[in-house]
Protein backbone atom coordinates (compact mmCIF):
# COMPACT_ATOMS: atom_id res chain seq x y z
CA MET A 1 100.69 28.94 158.12
CA THR A 2 97.11 29.62 159.19
CA VAL A 3 93.91 28.37 157.53
CA LYS A 4 93.15 31.95 156.40
CA GLU A 5 96.59 32.15 154.74
CA ILE A 6 96.07 28.79 152.99
CA VAL A 7 92.63 29.83 151.71
CA LYS A 8 93.93 33.23 150.56
CA LEU A 9 96.77 31.54 148.61
CA HIS A 10 94.27 29.15 146.98
CA LEU A 11 92.02 32.04 145.93
CA ILE A 12 94.91 33.97 144.41
CA SER A 13 96.51 31.03 142.64
CA HIS A 14 93.20 29.98 141.03
CA GLY A 15 91.95 33.45 140.09
CA TYR A 16 89.07 33.68 142.56
CA ASP A 17 88.06 36.95 144.22
CA GLY A 18 86.60 35.69 147.49
CA LEU A 19 84.23 33.40 149.35
CA PHE A 20 80.45 33.19 149.69
CA ASN A 21 77.79 30.94 151.15
CA GLU A 22 74.05 30.50 150.80
CA ASP A 23 73.39 32.60 153.92
CA SER A 24 74.18 35.72 151.84
CA CYS A 25 77.58 36.03 153.41
CA ALA A 26 80.49 37.04 151.18
CA CYS A 27 84.01 38.36 151.58
CA LEU A 28 86.89 39.32 149.33
CA GLY A 29 90.22 37.52 149.52
CA ILE A 30 91.92 40.76 150.54
CA ASP A 31 89.64 40.96 153.60
CA LEU A 32 89.00 37.28 154.23
CA ALA A 33 86.40 36.48 156.90
CA PRO A 34 86.26 39.94 158.50
CA CYS A 35 83.65 38.50 160.86
CA ASP A 36 86.15 35.79 161.91
CA GLU A 37 83.52 33.17 161.13
CA MET A 38 84.78 31.39 158.02
CA CYS A 39 82.50 28.37 157.71
CA GLY A 40 82.91 24.96 156.17
CA ASP A 41 80.13 25.75 153.69
CA CYS A 42 81.92 28.76 152.16
CA GLU A 43 82.54 28.43 148.42
CA VAL A 44 85.05 30.16 146.17
CA GLY A 45 83.72 32.74 143.75
CA PHE A 46 84.11 35.88 141.69
CA LYS A 47 83.28 39.49 142.50
CA VAL A 48 80.22 40.69 140.56
CA PRO A 49 78.14 43.87 140.76
CA CYS A 50 75.10 43.93 143.01
CA PRO A 51 71.69 43.60 141.37
CA SER A 52 69.92 46.94 141.05
CA ASP A 53 67.50 46.03 143.83
CA CYS A 54 70.18 45.08 146.38
CA GLY A 55 71.31 48.35 147.93
CA ASP A 56 72.87 46.62 150.94
CA HIS A 57 76.36 45.83 149.66
CA ASP A 58 79.11 47.13 147.39
CA PHE A 59 79.55 43.75 145.68
CA HIS A 60 78.43 40.12 145.59
CA ILE A 61 80.54 37.00 145.25
CA SER A 62 79.16 34.52 142.74
CA ALA A 63 80.09 31.05 141.52
CA GLU A 64 79.88 32.49 137.98
CA LYS A 65 82.28 35.13 136.62
CA GLU A 66 79.44 36.97 134.93
CA PRO A 67 76.50 38.18 137.01
CA PRO A 68 73.17 36.51 136.32
CA CYS A 69 71.14 38.13 133.57
CA GLN A 70 68.91 40.90 134.91
CA GLN A 71 65.34 41.14 133.64
CA PRO A 72 64.61 41.73 130.88
CA CYS A 73 67.43 39.55 129.61
CA GLN A 74 68.60 40.56 126.15
CA GLN A 75 70.30 37.99 123.97
CA PRO A 76 72.62 39.14 121.14
């Protein structure tokens, strides 16, 4: 079993969608480390929509299941 296979099994079994790190790198579990550079600082996370000002990606991976509140933030 490879490291990629172990990580993929962990993501699936714990309900995570992928990995991300602070360098704005993110990947989904179904296409894990397409750059072949999975780093030790990658963290597990959840797929969330991109902020409206992103435009560079189809998704983001976040530590939180819900995306951060966009401005203006409306509370119920």
